[in-house]
Protein backbone atom coordinates (compact mmCIF):
# COMPACT_ATOMS: atom_id res chain seq x y z
CA MET A 1 99.19 -0.47 36.66
CA THR A 2 97.83 -0.35 33.11
CA ILE A 3 94.79 -2.34 32.06
CA PHE A 4 97.03 -4.73 30.10
CA ASP A 5 98.85 -5.70 33.32
CA ASN A 6 95.63 -6.57 35.13
CA TYR A 7 95.40 -10.18 33.93
CA CYS A 8 96.00 -12.14 37.16
CA LEU A 9 93.93 -12.68 40.31
CA ASP A 10 94.94 -12.72 43.97
CA ARG A 11 92.64 -15.64 44.80
CA PRO A 12 91.71 -17.81 41.83
CA VAL A 13 88.68 -20.09 42.01
CA GLU A 14 89.37 -22.40 39.10
CA PRO A 15 92.59 -24.49 39.09
CA VAL A 16 95.31 -24.39 36.49
CA GLN A 17 95.10 -27.81 34.83
CA VAL A 18 98.15 -29.55 33.45
CA PHE A 19 97.76 -32.72 31.41
CA GLU A 20 100.69 -34.42 29.75
CA VAL A 21 102.13 -37.53 28.20
CA ARG A 22 105.42 -38.44 29.84
CA GLN A 23 108.60 -39.47 28.07
CA ASP A 24 109.38 -42.65 30.02
CA ALA A 25 110.52 -46.17 29.21
CA THR A 26 107.08 -47.31 28.15
CA PRO A 27 106.00 -46.92 24.53
CA PHE A 28 104.37 -43.64 23.64
CA LEU A 29 101.05 -45.26 22.87
CA THR A 30 100.79 -46.77 26.35
CA ARG A 31 97.81 -45.27 28.17
CA GLY A 32 99.55 -45.35 31.55
CA SER A 33 101.90 -42.51 30.54
CA TYR A 34 99.08 -39.91 30.72
CA GLN A 35 98.95 -37.69 33.82
CA ARG A 36 96.81 -34.74 34.94
CA SER A 37 97.53 -32.22 37.73
CA ASP A 38 95.44 -29.39 39.20
CA LEU A 39 97.38 -26.39 40.50
CA ARG A 40 95.54 -24.06 42.88
CA THR A 41 98.28 -22.33 44.87
CA GLU A 42 101.87 -21.25 44.54
CA GLU A 43 102.92 -24.23 46.68
CA ASP A 44 101.14 -26.63 44.32
CA THR A 45 102.96 -25.12 41.36
CA ALA A 46 106.38 -25.30 42.98
CA SER A 47 105.80 -28.91 44.07
CA PHE A 48 104.60 -29.91 40.60
CA LEU A 49 107.67 -28.43 38.90
CA GLU A 50 110.01 -30.04 41.38
CA ASN A 51 108.45 -33.51 41.08
CA ASN A 52 108.51 -33.49 37.28
CA GLN A 53 112.15 -32.59 36.79
CA THR A 54 113.34 -36.21 36.98
CA ASN A 55 110.67 -37.56 34.65
CA PRO A 56 110.52 -35.35 31.54
CA TYR A 57 107.36 -34.99 29.49
CA LYS A 58 106.90 -35.58 25.78
CA CYS A 59 103.84 -33.36 25.38
CA ARG A 60 102.46 -31.07 28.08
CA VAL A 61 99.44 -28.75 27.96
CA VAL A 62 99.04 -26.08 30.65
CA SER A 63 95.43 -24.87 30.56
CA ILE A 64 94.62 -21.50 32.16
CA CYS A 65 91.06 -20.18 32.05
CA GLN A 66 88.91 -17.16 32.83
CA ARG A 67 85.61 -17.30 34.70
CA ASN A 68 84.19 -15.31 31.78
CA SER A 69 85.61 -13.29 28.91
CA TRP A 70 85.67 -10.00 30.84
CA ARG A 71 87.57 -11.20 33.91
CA GLN A 72 91.19 -11.95 34.66
CA LEU A 73 92.88 -15.28 34.26
CA GLN A 74 92.35 -17.78 37.05
CA ILE A 75 95.98 -17.71 38.16
CA THR A 76 98.12 -15.59 40.47
CA LYS A 77 101.16 -13.68 39.28
CA PRO A 78 103.59 -15.77 41.42
CA MET A 79 102.12 -18.99 39.98
CA LEU A 80 102.51 -17.71 36.44
CA ASP A 81 106.07 -16.58 37.15
CA LEU A 82 106.90 -20.05 38.49
CA LEU A 83 105.48 -21.75 35.39
CA VAL A 84 107.41 -19.43 33.08
CA THR A 85 110.67 -19.85 35.01
CA GLY A 86 110.26 -23.60 35.49
CA HIS A 87 109.67 -24.21 31.80
CA ARG A 88 112.26 -21.63 30.62
CA ILE A 89 109.64 -19.84 28.52
CA GLY A 90 110.84 -16.93 26.41
CA PRO A 91 109.77 -13.28 26.78
CA SER A 92 107.39 -13.45 23.79
CA PHE A 93 105.02 -15.41 26.03
CA TRP A 94 103.91 -12.38 28.08
CA ALA A 95 102.06 -10.75 25.21
CA VAL A 96 99.46 -13.53 25.26
CA PRO A 97 98.19 -13.21 28.88
CA SER A 98 98.14 -9.42 28.49
CA CYS A 99 95.12 -9.86 26.18
CA PHE A 100 93.03 -11.43 28.98
CA TYR A 101 92.79 -8.46 31.34
CA ARG A 102 89.75 -7.40 33.33
CA ARG A 103 87.45 -5.04 31.44
CA SER A 104 84.09 -3.37 31.87
CA ASP A 105 83.49 -2.49 28.20
CA ASP A 106 84.01 -4.34 24.95
CA LEU A 107 87.52 -2.98 24.52
CA GLU A 108 89.68 -4.25 21.64
CA GLY A 109 86.66 -6.02 20.22
CA VAL A 110 88.46 -7.19 17.06
CA PHE A 111 92.07 -7.11 18.25
CA CYS A 112 93.96 -10.38 17.92
CA LEU A 113 97.58 -10.79 18.95
CA PRO A 114 99.46 -11.39 15.69
CA PHE A 115 101.40 -14.54 15.01
CA THR A 116 104.75 -14.32 16.81
CA GLU A 117 107.63 -16.68 16.18
CA SER A 118 111.03 -16.82 17.85
CA CYS A 119 113.77 -19.38 17.28
CA SER A 120 116.89 -20.17 19.31
CA ASP A 121 119.06 -23.21 18.74
CA SER A 122 116.64 -26.12 18.43
CA MET A 123 113.70 -24.29 20.07
CA THR A 124 110.81 -22.75 18.17
CA GLU A 125 108.29 -20.60 20.06
CA ILE A 126 104.92 -19.61 18.59
CA SER A 127 102.19 -17.48 20.17
CA TYR A 128 99.00 -15.73 19.07
CA THR A 129 95.38 -15.12 20.09
CA LEU A 130 92.24 -16.02 18.21
CA ARG A 131 88.70 -14.64 18.27
CA TYR A 132 85.62 -16.63 17.32
CA PRO A 133 81.83 -16.70 17.93
CA GLU A 134 80.23 -18.96 20.49
CA TYR A 135 76.58 -19.62 21.26
CA LYS A 136 75.44 -19.30 24.88
CA SER A 137 72.49 -21.64 25.13
CA GLN A 138 71.56 -20.49 28.65
CA GLU A 139 70.99 -16.92 27.47
CA ASN A 140 70.13 -17.76 23.84
CA LYS A 141 72.63 -15.35 22.33
CA TRP A 142 75.92 -15.26 20.44
CA VAL A 143 79.09 -13.71 21.84
CA ILE A 144 82.63 -13.19 20.56
CA ARG A 145 85.21 -15.06 22.61
CA GLN A 146 88.99 -15.10 22.66
CA SER A 147 91.51 -17.90 23.12
CA GLY A 148 95.28 -17.74 23.17
CA ILE A 149 98.06 -20.24 22.71
CA TYR A 150 101.78 -20.39 23.38
CA HIS A 151 103.69 -23.28 21.79
CA ARG A 152 107.31 -24.24 22.28
CA TYR A 153 108.72 -27.07 20.19
CA ASP A 154 112.12 -28.68 20.68
CA LYS A 155 113.27 -30.19 17.41
CA THR A 156 116.04 -32.17 19.10
CA SER A 157 114.01 -33.95 21.80
CA SER A 158 110.61 -33.64 20.00
CA GLN A 159 109.25 -32.15 23.22
CA ASN A 160 106.08 -30.05 22.98
CA LEU A 161 104.89 -27.49 25.52
CA PHE A 162 101.54 -25.74 25.09
CA VAL A 163 100.05 -23.03 27.27
CA LEU A 164 96.37 -22.71 26.39
CA PHE A 165 94.37 -19.65 27.51
CA ASN A 166 90.62 -20.31 27.62
CA PRO A 167 87.75 -17.79 28.01
CA THR A 168 85.70 -20.17 30.18
CA PRO A 169 86.38 -23.16 32.41
CA GLN A 170 86.26 -26.49 30.57
CA SER A 171 86.14 -24.82 27.18
CA LYS A 172 85.75 -26.85 24.00
CA ALA A 173 89.43 -26.63 23.06
CA HIS A 174 90.46 -27.61 26.59
CA SER A 175 88.15 -30.63 26.60
CA GLN A 176 89.20 -31.76 23.13
CA ALA A 177 92.92 -31.43 23.94
CA GLU A 178 92.55 -33.35 27.20
CA ASN A 179 90.59 -36.07 25.45
CA LEU A 180 93.28 -36.51 22.78
CA LEU A 181 96.05 -36.72 25.36
CA ARG A 182 94.09 -39.07 27.63
CA ASN A 183 93.46 -41.46 24.76
CA ILE A 184 96.99 -40.82 23.46
CA CYS A 185 95.88 -40.49 19.85
CA PRO A 186 98.50 -41.09 17.14
CA GLU A 187 98.12 -37.54 15.81
CA VAL A 188 99.53 -36.21 19.08
CA GLU A 189 102.80 -38.05 18.40
CA SER A 190 102.97 -37.49 14.65
CA ASP A 191 102.03 -33.80 14.50
CA PRO A 192 103.76 -31.25 16.78
CA PHE A 193 101.10 -28.69 15.75
CA TRP A 194 98.08 -30.79 16.67
CA LEU A 195 96.73 -28.32 19.24
CA HIS A 196 96.64 -25.54 16.63
CA ARG A 197 94.48 -27.75 14.45
CA VAL A 198 92.23 -28.51 17.43
CA LEU A 199 91.80 -24.80 18.10
CA PHE A 200 90.62 -24.06 14.56
CA ALA A 201 88.60 -27.26 14.21
CA VAL A 202 86.62 -26.63 17.40
CA TYR A 203 85.85 -22.94 17.02
CA PHE A 204 85.90 -21.92 13.36
CA PRO A 205 82.83 -23.82 12.04
CA ALA A 206 80.70 -21.48 14.19
CA TRP A 207 81.49 -18.49 11.97
CA ARG A 208 79.14 -19.61 9.20
CA LYS A 209 76.24 -20.13 11.61
CA TYR A 210 76.99 -16.83 13.37
CA ILE A 211 76.77 -14.92 10.09
CA ALA A 212 73.64 -16.83 9.04
CA VAL A 213 71.85 -16.01 12.31
CA HIS A 214 72.47 -12.29 11.89
CA GLU A 215 71.53 -12.49 8.22
CA GLN A 216 68.24 -14.07 9.25
CA ARG A 217 67.55 -11.04 11.43
CA PHE A 218 68.59 -8.67 8.68
CA LEU A 219 66.57 -10.02 5.73
CA PRO A 220 63.07 -9.08 7.08
CA LEU A 221 64.30 -5.52 7.56
CA ALA A 222 65.75 -5.40 4.06
CA GLY A 223 62.58 -6.75 2.45
CA SER A 224 60.24 -4.43 4.36
CA THR A 225 62.34 -1.37 3.59
CA ILE A 226 62.50 -2.01 -0.14
CA ALA A 227 58.75 -2.70 -0.36
CA THR A 228 57.75 0.52 1.43
CA PHE A 229 55.84 3.30 -0.35
CA ILE A 230 56.37 6.87 0.74
CA THR A 231 52.68 7.75 0.95
CA GLY A 232 51.60 4.39 2.38
CA PRO A 233 51.86 3.06 5.93
CA LEU A 234 55.40 2.25 7.04
CA SER A 235 56.16 -1.14 8.53
CA LEU A 236 59.49 0.10 9.93
CA GLY A 237 60.36 2.99 12.19
CA TYR A 238 63.27 4.80 13.76
CA ASP A 239 63.95 1.91 16.14
CA SER A 240 64.68 -0.25 13.11
CA LEU A 241 67.54 2.09 12.22
CA SER A 242 69.27 1.24 15.52
CA THR A 243 68.82 -2.46 14.76
CA LEU A 244 70.35 -2.00 11.31
CA THR A 245 73.26 -0.09 12.81
CA ALA A 246 73.91 -2.92 15.26
CA LEU A 247 73.80 -5.43 12.42
CA GLN A 248 76.24 -3.34 10.39
CA THR A 249 78.62 -3.38 13.35
CA ARG A 250 78.36 -7.15 13.66
CA PHE A 251 79.00 -7.69 9.95
CA LEU A 252 81.87 -5.19 9.99
CA GLU A 253 83.66 -7.01 12.82
CA VAL A 254 83.77 -10.34 11.01
CA PRO A 255 86.19 -9.47 8.16
CA ALA A 256 88.59 -7.80 10.62
CA VAL A 257 88.71 -10.85 12.89
CA LEU A 258 88.94 -13.30 10.00
CA ALA A 259 91.74 -11.30 8.38
CA SER A 260 93.82 -11.83 11.51
CA ALA A 261 92.99 -15.55 11.47
CA THR A 262 93.98 -15.74 7.80
CA ASP A 263 97.39 -14.27 8.59
CA ILE A 264 97.86 -16.79 11.41
CA LEU A 265 96.99 -19.68 9.12
CA ASP A 266 99.44 -18.42 6.49
CA GLU A 267 102.21 -18.26 9.08
CA LEU A 268 101.41 -21.72 10.40
CA CYS A 269 101.62 -23.16 6.90
CA THR A 270 104.96 -21.44 6.42
CA VAL A 271 106.36 -22.75 9.70
CA ILE A 272 105.22 -26.32 9.06
CA SER A 273 106.64 -26.28 5.54
CA SER A 274 109.88 -24.67 6.69
CA GLU A 275 113.18 -26.53 6.65
CA SER A 276 113.76 -25.49 10.29
CA VAL A 277 111.09 -27.91 11.49
CA ILE A 278 111.58 -31.63 11.22
CA SER A 279 109.51 -33.53 8.74
CA THR A 280 105.92 -33.87 9.84
CA ASP A 281 102.64 -34.90 8.31
CA LYS A 282 102.21 -32.49 5.42
CA SER A 283 98.46 -33.05 5.51
CA ALA A 284 98.40 -30.52 8.35
CA VAL A 285 99.38 -27.86 5.83
CA GLN A 286 96.38 -28.75 3.70
CA VAL A 287 94.13 -28.61 6.75
CA PHE A 288 95.30 -25.09 7.58
CA LYS A 289 94.94 -24.04 3.94
CA ASN A 290 91.35 -25.27 3.96
CA TYR A 291 90.66 -23.24 7.09
CA ARG A 292 92.20 -20.24 5.34
CA ARG A 293 89.86 -20.67 2.38
CA GLU A 294 86.95 -20.93 4.80
CA CYS A 295 88.03 -17.67 6.44
CA ILE A 296 88.10 -15.90 3.09
CA ALA A 297 84.64 -17.22 2.15
CA ASN A 298 83.08 -16.14 5.46
CA SER A 299 84.80 -12.77 5.24
CA ARG A 300 83.37 -12.14 1.77
CA ASN A 301 79.91 -13.11 2.94
CA ALA A 302 80.10 -10.76 5.93
CA SER A 303 81.46 -7.91 3.79
CA HIS A 304 78.59 -8.33 1.34
CA LEU A 305 76.03 -8.28 4.16
CA GLN A 306 77.68 -5.25 5.74
CA GLU A 307 77.50 -3.30 2.48
CA ARG A 308 73.91 -4.41 1.95
CA ALA A 309 72.96 -3.42 5.50
CA GLN A 310 74.53 -0.03 4.90
CA ILE A 311 72.48 0.45 1.73
CA VAL A 312 69.25 -0.65 3.45
CA SER A 313 69.97 1.62 6.41
CA LYS A 314 70.43 4.60 4.10
CA LEU A 315 67.29 3.65 2.17
CA LEU A 316 65.27 3.45 5.38
CA ALA A 317 66.65 6.77 6.62
CA ASP A 318 65.79 8.41 3.28
CA THR A 319 62.33 6.81 3.32
CA LEU A 320 61.59 8.14 6.79
CA LEU A 321 62.94 11.54 5.79
CA PHE A 322 60.78 11.65 2.65
CA ARG A 323 57.75 10.57 4.63
CA ASN A 324 58.37 13.35 7.14
CA GLN A 325 58.59 15.76 4.22
CA VAL A 326 55.27 14.44 2.89
CA LEU A 327 53.67 14.92 6.30
CA ALA A 328 55.17 18.40 6.54
CA LYS A 329 53.81 19.23 3.11
CA GLU A 330 50.33 18.04 4.13
CA GLN A 331 50.51 20.12 7.29
CA ASN A 332 51.63 23.16 5.30
CA THR A 333 48.68 22.68 2.94
CA ASN A 334 46.31 22.55 5.89
CA MET A 335 47.91 25.66 7.37
CA LEU A 336 47.46 27.48 4.06
CA GLN A 337 43.77 26.57 4.06
CA LEU A 338 43.44 27.83 7.63
CA ASN A 339 45.25 31.05 6.71
CA LYS A 340 42.88 31.60 3.79
CA SER A 341 39.93 31.09 6.12
CA ALA A 342 41.42 33.48 8.64
CA VAL A 343 41.98 36.12 5.94
CA PHE A 344 38.39 35.72 4.72
CA ILE A 345 36.99 36.03 8.25
CA THR A 346 39.19 39.07 8.93
CA THR A 347 37.99 40.69 5.71
CA LEU A 348 34.37 40.10 6.68
CA THR A 349 35.09 41.59 10.12
CA LEU A 350 36.63 44.70 8.58
CA VAL A 351 33.65 45.07 6.24
CA TYR A 352 30.97 44.78 8.92
CA LEU A 353 32.84 46.43 11.81
CA PRO A 354 32.05 50.12 10.90
CA SER A 355 28.34 49.45 10.46
CA SER A 356 28.28 47.40 13.68
CA PHE A 357 30.04 50.20 15.51
CA LEU A 358 27.59 52.81 14.22
CA ALA A 359 24.60 50.60 15.08
CA THR A 360 25.94 50.25 18.62
CA ILE A 361 26.33 54.00 19.05
CA PHE A 362 22.90 54.87 17.69
CA GLY A 363 21.35 52.10 19.75
CA MET A 364 22.43 53.84 22.97
CA ASN A 365 20.26 56.20 25.03
CA PHE A 366 22.43 59.16 24.10
CA PHE A 367 20.20 59.74 21.05
CA ASP A 368 16.48 60.08 20.63
CA MET A 369 14.12 60.52 17.68
CA ASP A 370 12.18 63.83 17.53
CA GLN A 371 9.14 62.66 15.61
CA GLU A 372 7.52 66.09 15.47
CA ASN A 373 10.48 67.72 13.78
CA ASN A 374 11.61 64.45 12.15
CA ARG A 375 15.18 64.62 13.42
CA ILE A 376 17.58 62.92 15.82
CA VAL A 377 18.24 64.69 19.08
CA GLY A 378 21.54 64.01 20.89
CA THR A 379 22.26 64.52 24.55
CA PRO A 380 25.06 66.89 25.52
CA MET A 381 26.41 64.11 27.86
CA ILE A 382 27.70 61.98 24.93
CA TRP A 383 31.22 63.07 25.83
CA ILE A 384 31.02 60.54 28.70
CA PHE A 385 30.98 57.69 26.15
CA PHE A 386 34.03 58.91 24.28
CA ILE A 387 36.01 59.69 27.43
CA SER A 388 35.18 56.29 28.90
CA SER A 389 36.07 54.51 25.68
CA ILE A 390 39.40 56.29 25.36
CA ALA A 391 40.23 55.68 29.03
CA LEU A 392 39.29 51.98 28.85
CA THR A 393 41.34 51.53 25.68
CA ALA A 394 44.34 53.24 27.25
CA ILE A 395 44.05 51.12 30.42
CA THR A 396 43.83 47.95 28.29
CA PHE A 397 46.96 48.80 26.30
CA LEU A 398 48.88 49.80 29.44
CA LEU A 399 47.94 46.56 31.18
CA TYR A 400 48.99 44.52 28.16
CA TYR A 401 52.30 46.40 27.92
CA TRP A 402 52.95 45.87 31.64
CA LEU A 403 52.22 42.15 31.43
CA LEU A 404 54.39 41.86 28.31
CA ARG A 405 57.33 43.46 30.07
CA ARG A 406 56.87 41.34 33.17
CA ASN A 407 56.32 38.07 31.27
CA GLY A 408 55.27 36.57 34.56
CA PRO A 409 52.82 33.92 35.66
CA ALA A 410 49.88 36.27 35.15
CA PHE A 411 50.73 36.76 31.46
CA ARG A 412 51.45 33.05 30.94
CA GLY A 413 48.07 32.33 32.47
CA LEU A 414 46.45 34.46 29.79
CA ALA A 415 48.24 32.53 27.03
CA PRO A 416 46.54 29.53 25.41
CA ASN A 417 47.08 26.29 27.30
CA ILE A 418 49.00 24.14 24.79
CA ARG A 419 50.25 20.83 26.07
CA SER A 420 53.58 19.80 24.59
CA ARG A 421 56.46 17.53 25.43
CA GLN A 422 60.03 18.60 25.12
CA THR A 423 61.25 15.17 23.99
CA TRP A 424 59.68 12.32 22.10
CA THR A 425 60.46 8.71 22.69
CA ILE A 426 61.10 6.35 19.78
CA GLU A 427 57.70 4.77 20.34
CA GLU A 428 55.96 8.18 20.14
CA VAL A 429 57.84 9.02 16.95
CA ARG A 430 56.87 5.64 15.51
CA ARG A 431 53.19 6.12 16.37
CA ARG A 432 53.19 9.62 14.91
CA PHE A 433 54.98 8.91 11.66
CA THR A 434 54.22 5.26 10.98
CA GLY A 435 50.64 5.04 12.19
CA GLY A 436 51.52 2.59 14.96
CA SER A 437 52.80 -0.27 12.77
CA ASN A 438 56.35 -1.43 13.07
CA SER A 439 58.33 -4.54 12.32
CA SER A 440 60.42 -5.01 15.41
CA ILE A 441 63.53 -7.13 15.24
CA GLU A 442 65.62 -6.84 18.36
CA LEU A 443 69.32 -7.68 18.26
CA GLN A 444 70.94 -8.33 21.62
CA SER A 445 74.59 -7.49 21.84
CA CYS A 446 75.58 -8.43 25.33
CA PRO A 447 79.03 -8.75 26.70
CA ALA A 448 80.59 -12.16 26.70
């Protein structure tokens, strides 16, 4: 089984909710024609389909949800098969639930099922998925969610069937659609595409706020980076580069998602304006065109911020690189001063070493001053000094050579004890190169 087939559960927790307005003898605007059903098992689904064959619906919404955006749909495969067979849904439907499979990573983060349309006789079938941002107040963070919709419209009987796929139970689109059907609003009767408008109206205003929130996190980084001097203290560090990279990713995702939404809106306008669909309220076309313009505006804003974040990220990386070069230059200057001192001390040692050596020899008891004859008298045993010196020198060189070849613990014990760490953490790098100051802006990118 591929990951795209793993979209159903064996034991769902949340029910499949069906709310509809029936096509009975009462006027459409009568509130008593509304009905809601909760389907939890295969038996419930079969019983629901059997009981509703004699009393056809005018508009029905089948709402299927996930527990969260990374889990399967709260429906079993037999239940879904019964709903598809009972409603005579076409094969294009199956592409929509395949986008709601179980995942452990943010796979297909910007993928949206493209607008799909199929027509047969008087039936028109439409399906697509939509991505949008949503704020999770409990965790105080923004996530990208996904909703899907399948719509079948019968031009002869004016019968509407919607299958709505929600990322969470009681989602905003689900609640808004149920509220419109419960109150039997006039737009439900006049506009066959009312649920599409609900989907965009509920979720798309969040794009502007989503971009603004990330821009608010980005601007302090941009201002601090531009105001930084190479030789002065840095207010940003290497951890800020990871934050800028995350922001670039967020800004880069927005145009891709909104481009898919723009295509969907174009197709919806074409379908509504088409001769194949009966006359409907043409104001819906203007509504979708306005949403399209909003998509383009938000996409341009996100593209601008993404390019700006890329420039700031490069500027910060260059600034840190130049600062490291300045520090390296200062260290090289210090090393040159130390080398000059070492050369001077070595020169002094070479100058005074012969005289020190001679003073040491003549200060030994091997020589004595004959004051009567005014001369120095040497002992014939001086050969002991030279033999001992040569032997000690040879032993020293042999021991050093042996330790060098062994390179064992004994030799390492003779080496200077220099404490070093093989790896540096980001905090250590920041303290070393920025003097301990850093403007920390943390961007959480958690799964939905």
